[in-house]
Amino acid sequence: MNRGRVLVFFVLLPSPVAMLQAQSDTISEYPLSQGCCPNGIANGPDGALWFTAGYIIGRITTSGAFSYYPVSFTPEGGIAVGPDDALWFTGSDASVGSIGRVTPKGNVTQYPTPTVDSFPQSITAGSDGAMWFTESGADKIGRITTAGVIEEYPIPTPNSYPIGIAAGPDGALWFTESIGNKIGRITTKGVIEEFAVGNTLVSPNWITAGPDGALWFTELSLPAARIGRITTAGVVTSFILSPDGANGQITAGPDGALWFTGGVFNSVGRITTSGVVTEYPLPSASSFPTGITTGPDGALWLVENDAGNIARATACGIGLSLSFANSALTINFDVGITTAATWRAWIVNGSSASRLFEKSLGPLTPPRAFTGTLSNFSSQGNVAVSSTLSSPNGIICSDEQTLDTTGGSTAGQAGIPPGLP
């Protein structure tokens, strides 16, 4: 999608503002009191979030109140709302793979898959009123009706190891082949087509439909340094992540961007449909975030597998980047936020800071690009630009970039995690 860039005119005003520091306490975390190792999460039909955790299906309200429902087999990473307003999830115990169903009242039903060692992983609702899931151990795509009838479809590529699956805008289901290094497409009639992802992407992992009519996916194998995009015609592109990679899950956010979990990189990230990336560290160290979804409150909800937490982050991003050439400092923003906010920016050189602007914004969805240029900007070594989106309650999200104007290369970046203060 081609979005025009809006030119921002800067006026330098004296300001006592110091350089912003990344703060890990702006993302809310809710520790589990039962179960362990939360993996998948979904927005439920009852206004709460539902997640998998050990031998438990959990429920958390947007105010942080938990409920727990025991199950007799181990849920995996996949959980999704079905057309029957129940939650459907994948699971395994030893050689028995299963699809589970839990009602909003906590009633659980188990449906074993026909193939042993199927190891179901991801699950999603199809356009045909059934649930579709991947079987990593069997190299198959499964389909289960709301009555519990299961069909399985072999993937043409052997040892493909499918993981993620998502409903596409074309009415088909799209899935990742982690070992096969392909993206697959299966119609609701069971016809499969496969697309190689090329040499720049390795081991596609989880996948979601984006707001731009394409499918977006993460990588599994380290360094997991890219996010992939595939159109319904099978055209693949990739976007480099910086400073860290991401090998977790991915979802469409309420702000018109894609949001993903870092997995081993202990972060939650945002990428706009134009490829602008922002990554936020999580408060708990080594938390290993996996599942992520948009909640009924318009925030991002994610699970922290190793830390045993459910976390909430505000859907907010500034998408700041800098470049310097011909004595001109160019400052680019890709701003997205679901609520009204005050937008501020400063330029910091050494111990001095000057305010670039302060303005009120309404909600910006999808994200909108802005560009400003400071002409006749003499080379001054490392120069930082800091920017915030704030409410009367405090900072919603912020971004800071540092550029070496002697060489024109980015010297570093930092971001304050999104969330409620």
Protein backbone atom coordinates (compact mmCIF):
# COMPACT_ATOMS: atom_id res chain seq x y z
CA MET A 1 0.00 0.00 0.00
CA ASN A 2 1.43 3.41 -0.97
CA ARG A 3 0.89 5.95 1.76
CA GLY A 4 1.97 9.55 1.27
CA ARG A 5 4.39 11.06 3.74
CA VAL A 6 3.40 14.26 5.55
CA LEU A 7 6.13 16.87 5.90
CA VAL A 8 6.69 18.11 9.46
CA PHE A 9 8.30 21.56 9.88
CA PHE A 10 10.56 21.76 12.93
CA VAL A 11 11.20 24.77 15.13
CA LEU A 12 13.93 24.33 17.72
CA LEU A 13 12.82 25.47 21.17
CA PRO A 14 14.95 25.36 24.34
CA SER A 15 13.93 22.53 26.64
CA PRO A 16 15.32 20.99 29.82
CA VAL A 17 14.27 17.49 28.75
CA ALA A 18 16.93 14.83 29.30
CA MET A 19 17.44 11.76 27.16
CA LEU A 20 14.75 9.17 27.71
CA GLN A 21 15.59 5.92 29.45
CA ALA A 22 13.97 2.59 28.54
CA GLN A 23 11.64 1.55 31.33
CA SER A 24 10.47 -2.02 31.67
CA ASP A 25 7.57 -1.37 34.04
CA THR A 26 5.25 0.21 31.51
CA ILE A 27 4.02 -3.18 30.23
CA SER A 28 1.64 -4.80 32.69
CA GLU A 29 2.35 -8.40 33.73
CA TYR A 30 -0.01 -10.78 35.53
CA PRO A 31 1.59 -13.90 37.11
CA LEU A 32 -0.25 -17.22 36.94
CA SER A 33 -1.16 -18.89 40.24
CA GLN A 34 -1.90 -22.25 38.58
CA GLY A 35 -0.43 -24.16 35.66
CA CYS A 36 2.87 -23.33 34.03
CA CYS A 37 4.49 -22.37 30.81
CA PRO A 38 1.68 -20.44 29.08
CA ASN A 39 1.97 -20.81 25.32
CA GLY A 40 -1.00 -19.66 23.24
CA ILE A 41 -3.61 -16.93 23.79
CA ALA A 42 -6.84 -15.89 22.08
CA ASN A 43 -9.50 -13.22 22.39
CA GLY A 44 -12.56 -15.07 23.70
CA PRO A 45 -16.25 -14.59 22.86
CA ASP A 46 -16.98 -13.47 26.45
CA GLY A 47 -14.79 -10.34 26.55
CA ALA A 48 -11.87 -12.13 28.24
CA LEU A 49 -8.58 -13.64 27.06
CA TRP A 50 -8.11 -17.44 27.04
CA PHE A 51 -4.73 -19.16 27.13
CA THR A 52 -3.03 -22.56 27.33
CA ALA A 53 -0.76 -23.38 30.30
CA GLY A 54 0.41 -26.89 31.11
CA TYR A 55 -2.59 -29.11 31.90
CA ILE A 56 -4.78 -26.04 32.20
CA ILE A 57 -6.84 -23.74 30.02
CA GLY A 58 -6.81 -20.31 31.61
CA ARG A 59 -8.96 -17.22 31.37
CA ILE A 60 -7.99 -13.67 32.28
CA THR A 61 -10.22 -10.61 32.25
CA THR A 62 -8.94 -7.26 31.02
CA SER A 63 -8.71 -6.22 34.69
CA GLY A 64 -6.37 -9.16 35.44
CA ALA A 65 -8.71 -11.64 37.18
CA PHE A 66 -7.87 -15.32 36.47
CA SER A 67 -9.94 -18.50 36.13
CA TYR A 68 -8.47 -21.97 35.51
CA TYR A 69 -9.92 -25.12 33.92
CA PRO A 70 -7.98 -28.41 34.10
CA VAL A 71 -7.65 -30.64 31.03
CA SER A 72 -6.47 -34.24 30.79
CA PHE A 73 -3.85 -33.65 28.07
CA THR A 74 -1.18 -31.03 27.46
CA PRO A 75 -2.32 -28.03 25.41
CA GLU A 76 0.18 -26.74 22.86
CA GLY A 77 0.52 -23.24 21.40
CA GLY A 78 -2.69 -23.05 19.41
CA ILE A 79 -6.01 -21.69 20.70
CA ALA A 80 -8.73 -19.92 18.73
CA VAL A 81 -12.40 -19.02 18.88
CA GLY A 82 -14.68 -21.24 16.82
CA PRO A 83 -17.92 -20.43 15.01
CA ASP A 84 -19.76 -22.06 17.93
CA ASP A 85 -18.38 -19.45 20.39
CA ALA A 86 -16.21 -22.06 22.09
CA LEU A 87 -12.41 -22.04 22.35
CA TRP A 88 -10.62 -24.72 20.33
CA PHE A 89 -7.03 -25.70 21.13
CA THR A 90 -4.34 -28.18 20.15
CA GLY A 91 -2.67 -30.66 22.47
CA SER A 92 -0.68 -33.87 22.83
CA ASP A 93 0.19 -36.57 25.31
CA ALA A 94 2.85 -39.08 24.29
CA SER A 95 1.81 -40.38 20.84
CA VAL A 96 -1.77 -39.12 21.06
CA GLY A 97 -2.47 -35.76 19.47
CA SER A 98 -5.77 -34.09 20.27
CA ILE A 99 -7.98 -31.14 19.53
CA GLY A 100 -9.69 -29.72 22.57
CA ARG A 101 -12.82 -27.63 22.96
CA VAL A 102 -13.71 -25.53 25.99
CA THR A 103 -16.88 -23.52 26.43
CA PRO A 104 -16.91 -20.10 28.14
CA LYS A 105 -18.28 -21.96 31.19
CA GLY A 106 -15.21 -24.19 31.26
CA ASN A 107 -16.64 -27.46 29.91
CA VAL A 108 -13.85 -29.35 28.12
CA THR A 109 -14.11 -31.97 25.35
CA GLN A 110 -11.19 -33.87 23.79
CA TYR A 111 -11.01 -35.19 20.20
CA PRO A 112 -7.95 -37.40 19.40
CA THR A 113 -6.56 -37.09 15.88
CA PRO A 114 -6.74 -40.20 13.61
CA THR A 115 -2.96 -40.16 13.04
CA VAL A 116 -0.68 -41.05 15.98
CA ASP A 117 2.28 -38.79 16.75
CA SER A 118 0.48 -35.99 14.90
CA PHE A 119 1.62 -33.26 17.33
CA PRO A 120 -1.02 -30.61 16.49
CA GLN A 121 0.23 -27.05 16.96
CA SER A 122 -1.69 -24.11 15.54
CA ILE A 123 -5.46 -23.86 14.98
CA THR A 124 -7.76 -21.32 13.37
CA ALA A 125 -11.35 -20.93 12.20
CA GLY A 126 -11.94 -21.47 8.49
CA SER A 127 -14.42 -19.80 6.18
CA ASP A 128 -16.36 -23.09 5.96
CA GLY A 129 -17.45 -23.10 9.62
CA ALA A 130 -14.83 -25.67 10.67
CA MET A 131 -11.54 -25.40 12.57
CA TRP A 132 -8.29 -26.05 10.72
CA PHE A 133 -5.01 -27.05 12.36
CA THR A 134 -1.45 -28.13 11.63
CA GLU A 135 -0.02 -31.55 12.49
CA SER A 136 3.73 -31.01 12.76
CA GLY A 137 4.53 -34.65 13.49
CA ALA A 138 2.38 -36.07 10.68
CA ASP A 139 3.06 -33.47 7.94
CA LYS A 140 -0.67 -32.95 7.55
CA ILE A 141 -3.29 -30.25 7.77
CA GLY A 142 -6.31 -31.20 9.82
CA ARG A 143 -9.92 -30.08 9.76
CA ILE A 144 -12.42 -30.59 12.57
CA THR A 145 -16.12 -29.74 12.50
CA THR A 146 -17.85 -28.29 15.55
CA ALA A 147 -19.34 -31.80 15.98
CA GLY A 148 -15.83 -33.23 16.35
CA VAL A 149 -15.41 -34.96 12.96
CA ILE A 150 -11.76 -34.83 11.85
CA GLU A 151 -10.28 -35.04 8.34
CA GLU A 152 -6.57 -34.92 7.52
CA TYR A 153 -4.82 -33.74 4.34
CA PRO A 154 -1.18 -34.79 3.63
CA ILE A 155 1.19 -32.00 2.64
CA PRO A 156 2.97 -32.76 -0.69
CA THR A 157 6.44 -31.90 0.66
CA PRO A 158 7.75 -34.68 2.95
CA ASN A 159 9.15 -33.68 6.35
CA SER A 160 7.61 -30.24 5.95
CA TYR A 161 6.84 -29.78 9.68
CA PRO A 162 3.88 -27.35 9.51
CA ILE A 163 3.50 -25.01 12.48
CA GLY A 164 1.37 -21.87 11.99
CA ILE A 165 -1.96 -21.62 10.20
CA ALA A 166 -4.27 -18.67 9.51
CA ALA A 167 -7.37 -17.93 7.48
CA GLY A 168 -6.51 -15.82 4.44
CA PRO A 169 -8.57 -13.06 2.82
CA ASP A 170 -9.13 -15.38 -0.16
CA GLY A 171 -11.15 -17.90 1.87
CA ALA A 172 -8.31 -20.42 1.96
CA LEU A 173 -6.08 -21.45 4.88
CA TRP A 174 -2.42 -20.48 4.80
CA PHE A 175 0.22 -22.37 6.78
CA THR A 176 3.97 -22.45 7.37
CA GLU A 177 6.30 -25.37 6.59
CA SER A 178 9.16 -24.87 9.01
CA ILE A 179 11.49 -27.60 7.70
CA GLY A 180 10.12 -27.49 4.16
CA ASN A 181 10.88 -23.74 4.11
CA LYS A 182 7.63 -23.01 2.33
CA ILE A 183 4.29 -21.33 2.83
CA GLY A 184 1.33 -23.56 2.01
CA ARG A 185 -2.22 -22.77 0.96
CA ILE A 186 -5.12 -25.20 1.35
CA THR A 187 -8.63 -24.60 0.13
CA THR A 188 -11.62 -25.66 2.19
CA LYS A 189 -11.93 -28.56 -0.29
CA GLY A 190 -8.46 -29.80 0.67
CA VAL A 191 -6.46 -28.69 -2.39
CA ILE A 192 -2.90 -27.72 -1.40
CA GLU A 193 -0.49 -25.35 -3.13
CA GLU A 194 3.01 -24.52 -1.88
CA PHE A 195 5.28 -21.48 -2.26
CA ALA A 196 9.02 -21.42 -1.52
CA VAL A 197 10.03 -18.51 0.69
CA GLY A 198 13.43 -18.01 -0.97
CA ASN A 199 16.92 -17.75 0.45
CA THR A 200 16.52 -14.74 2.74
CA LEU A 201 13.89 -16.36 4.98
CA VAL A 202 14.54 -19.50 6.99
CA SER A 203 12.13 -21.84 8.76
CA PRO A 204 8.78 -19.99 8.68
CA ASN A 205 7.03 -20.27 12.02
CA TRP A 206 3.70 -18.58 12.90
CA ILE A 207 1.50 -16.75 10.42
CA THR A 208 -1.39 -14.29 10.44
CA ALA A 209 -3.53 -12.33 7.99
CA GLY A 210 -2.47 -8.69 7.79
CA PRO A 211 -4.59 -5.56 7.30
CA ASP A 212 -3.11 -5.16 3.81
CA GLY A 213 -4.62 -8.36 2.36
CA ALA A 214 -1.36 -10.33 2.66
CA LEU A 215 -0.12 -12.98 5.12
CA TRP A 216 2.72 -12.16 7.53
CA PHE A 217 4.96 -14.70 9.28
CA THR A 218 7.87 -15.08 11.69
CA GLU A 219 10.94 -17.31 11.48
CA LEU A 220 11.73 -20.20 13.85
CA SER A 221 15.46 -20.81 13.35
CA LEU A 222 17.92 -18.34 14.83
CA PRO A 223 18.92 -15.65 14.17
CA ALA A 224 15.24 -15.22 13.14
CA ALA A 225 16.21 -11.80 11.85
CA ARG A 226 13.32 -11.19 9.44
CA ILE A 227 9.55 -10.95 9.19
CA GLY A 228 8.09 -12.43 6.01
CA ARG A 229 5.12 -11.33 3.92
CA ILE A 230 3.35 -13.32 1.21
CA THR A 231 0.54 -12.14 -1.04
CA THR A 232 -2.33 -14.41 -1.99
CA ALA A 233 -0.62 -14.67 -5.39
CA GLY A 234 2.44 -16.19 -3.68
CA VAL A 235 4.82 -13.21 -3.91
CA VAL A 236 7.20 -13.24 -0.92
CA THR A 237 9.06 -10.28 0.58
CA SER A 238 10.95 -9.93 3.85
CA PHE A 239 11.77 -7.18 6.33
CA ILE A 240 14.88 -7.03 8.50
CA LEU A 241 14.40 -6.80 12.27
CA SER A 242 16.68 -4.60 14.35
CA PRO A 243 18.24 -4.72 16.85
CA ASP A 244 16.88 -8.19 17.69
CA GLY A 245 15.17 -11.01 15.87
CA ALA A 246 11.86 -12.68 16.71
CA ASN A 247 10.87 -16.35 16.70
CA GLY A 248 7.49 -16.12 18.42
CA GLN A 249 3.95 -15.64 17.17
CA ILE A 250 2.42 -12.78 15.16
CA THR A 251 -0.99 -11.11 15.01
CA ALA A 252 -2.72 -8.14 13.40
CA GLY A 253 -2.97 -5.29 15.88
CA PRO A 254 -5.85 -2.85 16.36
CA ASP A 255 -3.61 0.00 15.16
CA GLY A 256 -3.24 -1.30 11.61
CA ALA A 257 0.24 -2.77 12.23
CA LEU A 258 1.45 -6.34 12.87
CA TRP A 259 2.63 -7.29 16.36
CA PHE A 260 4.94 -10.19 17.17
CA THR A 261 6.67 -11.81 20.12
CA GLY A 262 10.43 -12.13 20.28
CA GLY A 263 10.60 -15.58 21.90
CA VAL A 264 14.23 -16.01 22.94
CA PHE A 265 14.77 -12.28 22.36
CA ASN A 266 12.43 -11.37 25.26
CA SER A 267 10.56 -8.62 23.44
CA VAL A 268 7.31 -7.64 21.81
CA GLY A 269 7.59 -6.00 18.41
CA ARG A 270 5.58 -3.99 15.92
CA ILE A 271 5.97 -3.79 12.16
CA THR A 272 3.90 -1.53 9.94
CA THR A 273 2.73 -2.71 6.54
CA SER A 274 5.45 -0.50 5.04
CA GLY A 275 8.06 -2.44 7.03
CA VAL A 276 8.93 0.00 9.84
CA VAL A 277 9.98 -2.03 12.90
CA THR A 278 9.88 -1.16 16.60
CA GLU A 279 10.89 -3.61 19.35
CA TYR A 280 10.13 -3.23 23.05
CA PRO A 281 11.87 -5.20 25.83
CA LEU A 282 9.65 -6.98 28.34
CA PRO A 283 9.83 -6.25 32.08
CA SER A 284 10.71 -9.81 33.17
CA ALA A 285 14.11 -11.08 32.12
CA SER A 286 14.23 -14.28 30.04
CA SER A 287 10.43 -14.43 29.94
CA PHE A 288 10.31 -16.12 26.48
CA PRO A 289 7.09 -14.61 25.07
CA THR A 290 5.19 -16.80 22.60
CA GLY A 291 1.48 -16.28 21.93
CA ILE A 292 0.01 -12.85 21.16
CA THR A 293 -3.45 -11.54 20.28
CA THR A 294 -5.49 -8.34 20.23
CA GLY A 295 -7.78 -8.09 23.24
CA PRO A 296 -11.31 -6.70 23.55
CA ASP A 297 -9.83 -3.58 25.16
CA GLY A 298 -7.78 -2.70 22.07
CA ALA A 299 -4.48 -3.70 23.67
CA LEU A 300 -2.04 -6.49 22.81
CA TRP A 301 -2.10 -9.50 25.16
CA LEU A 302 0.76 -11.99 25.18
CA VAL A 303 2.02 -14.93 27.19
CA GLU A 304 5.46 -15.23 28.76
CA ASN A 305 6.28 -18.93 28.66
CA ASP A 306 9.29 -19.07 30.96
CA ALA A 307 8.21 -16.32 33.35
CA GLY A 308 4.68 -17.74 33.78
CA ASN A 309 3.00 -14.40 33.10
CA ILE A 310 0.26 -12.96 30.96
CA ALA A 311 1.25 -9.48 29.75
CA ARG A 312 -0.63 -6.51 28.31
CA ALA A 313 0.86 -3.82 26.04
CA THR A 314 -0.80 -0.80 24.49
CA ALA A 315 -1.01 -0.81 20.69
CA CYS A 316 1.17 2.23 20.11
CA GLY A 317 4.23 2.95 17.99
CA ILE A 318 6.24 5.90 16.72
CA GLY A 319 8.48 4.19 14.14
CA LEU A 320 11.33 6.68 14.42
CA SER A 321 14.36 6.58 12.09
CA LEU A 322 17.13 9.04 11.24
CA SER A 323 19.44 9.75 8.32
CA PHE A 324 22.06 12.42 7.64
CA ALA A 325 23.37 13.58 4.27
CA ASN A 326 24.46 16.87 2.68
CA SER A 327 24.21 18.76 5.99
CA ALA A 328 20.57 17.75 6.42
CA LEU A 329 19.17 15.63 9.24
CA THR A 330 16.06 13.75 8.09
CA ILE A 331 13.69 12.42 10.76
CA ASN A 332 11.09 9.83 9.76
CA PHE A 333 8.11 8.72 11.83
CA ASP A 334 5.50 6.02 11.25
CA VAL A 335 2.98 6.82 13.99
CA GLY A 336 0.09 4.60 14.98
CA ILE A 337 -2.11 4.77 18.07
CA THR A 338 -5.70 3.78 18.83
CA THR A 339 -6.47 6.67 21.20
CA ALA A 340 -5.99 10.43 21.31
CA ALA A 341 -2.54 11.48 22.50
CA THR A 342 -0.04 14.30 22.75
CA TRP A 343 2.93 13.80 20.44
CA ARG A 344 6.27 15.35 21.40
CA ALA A 345 9.79 15.14 20.01
CA TRP A 346 13.20 16.46 21.09
CA ILE A 347 16.65 16.53 19.63
CA VAL A 348 19.47 15.86 22.08
CA ASN A 349 23.13 16.68 21.50
CA GLY A 350 25.40 16.02 24.45
CA SER A 351 23.84 17.56 27.55
CA SER A 352 21.59 20.00 25.67
CA ALA A 353 18.10 19.32 24.35
CA SER A 354 15.74 21.26 22.11
CA ARG A 355 12.08 20.55 21.52
CA LEU A 356 11.17 19.90 17.90
CA PHE A 357 7.39 20.01 18.32
CA GLU A 358 4.40 19.24 20.50
CA LYS A 359 0.99 18.53 19.01
CA SER A 360 -2.31 16.82 19.77
CA LEU A 361 -3.25 13.74 17.77
CA GLY A 362 -6.46 11.82 17.34
CA PRO A 363 -6.31 8.06 16.79
CA LEU A 364 -4.05 7.14 13.86
CA THR A 365 -5.07 3.79 12.39
CA PRO A 366 -3.49 2.59 10.20
CA PRO A 367 -0.11 4.13 11.06
CA ARG A 368 0.73 7.33 9.21
CA ALA A 369 4.13 8.38 7.91
CA PHE A 370 5.64 11.80 8.68
CA THR A 371 8.97 13.22 7.53
CA GLY A 372 10.84 16.29 8.75
CA THR A 373 14.21 17.74 7.76
CA LEU A 374 16.63 19.99 9.62
CA SER A 375 18.67 21.76 6.94
CA ASN A 376 22.14 23.25 7.45
CA PHE A 377 22.68 20.78 10.26
CA SER A 378 26.40 20.69 10.97
CA SER A 379 28.10 17.41 11.76
CA GLN A 380 27.98 17.07 15.56
CA GLY A 381 28.89 13.45 16.28
CA ASN A 382 26.19 11.41 18.00
CA VAL A 383 22.81 13.14 17.89
CA ALA A 384 19.68 11.65 19.45
CA VAL A 385 16.02 12.23 18.69
CA SER A 386 13.49 11.24 21.33
CA SER A 387 9.73 11.14 20.82
CA THR A 388 6.75 10.24 22.99
CA LEU A 389 3.02 9.69 22.69
CA SER A 390 1.37 10.59 25.99
CA SER A 391 -1.99 10.80 27.69
CA PRO A 392 -2.86 12.85 30.81
CA ASN A 393 -1.83 9.73 32.77
CA GLY A 394 1.70 9.68 31.37
CA ILE A 395 3.71 8.16 28.52
CA ILE A 396 1.90 5.62 26.34
CA CYS A 397 4.90 4.75 24.19
CA SER A 398 8.16 6.35 23.11
CA ASP A 399 11.09 5.87 20.78
CA GLU A 400 14.64 7.14 20.74
CA GLN A 401 17.22 6.90 17.95
CA THR A 402 20.86 7.98 17.95
CA LEU A 403 22.74 8.80 14.76
CA ASP A 404 26.45 9.35 14.22
CA THR A 405 26.35 12.46 12.01
CA THR A 406 30.09 12.19 11.33
CA GLY A 407 29.53 8.98 9.40
CA GLY A 408 25.78 8.89 8.83
CA SER A 409 25.28 5.50 10.42
CA THR A 410 22.86 4.61 13.20
CA ALA A 411 24.75 4.43 16.48
CA GLY A 412 21.97 2.89 18.55
CA GLN A 413 18.29 2.79 19.39
CA ALA A 414 16.09 2.46 22.42
CA GLY A 415 12.39 2.32 23.11
CA ILE A 416 10.20 2.63 26.15
CA PRO A 417 7.80 -0.33 26.12
CA PRO A 418 4.17 0.42 25.35
CA GLY A 419 1.67 -0.02 28.15
CA LEU A 420 -0.17 1.78 30.89
CA PRO A 421 2.02 3.87 33.20
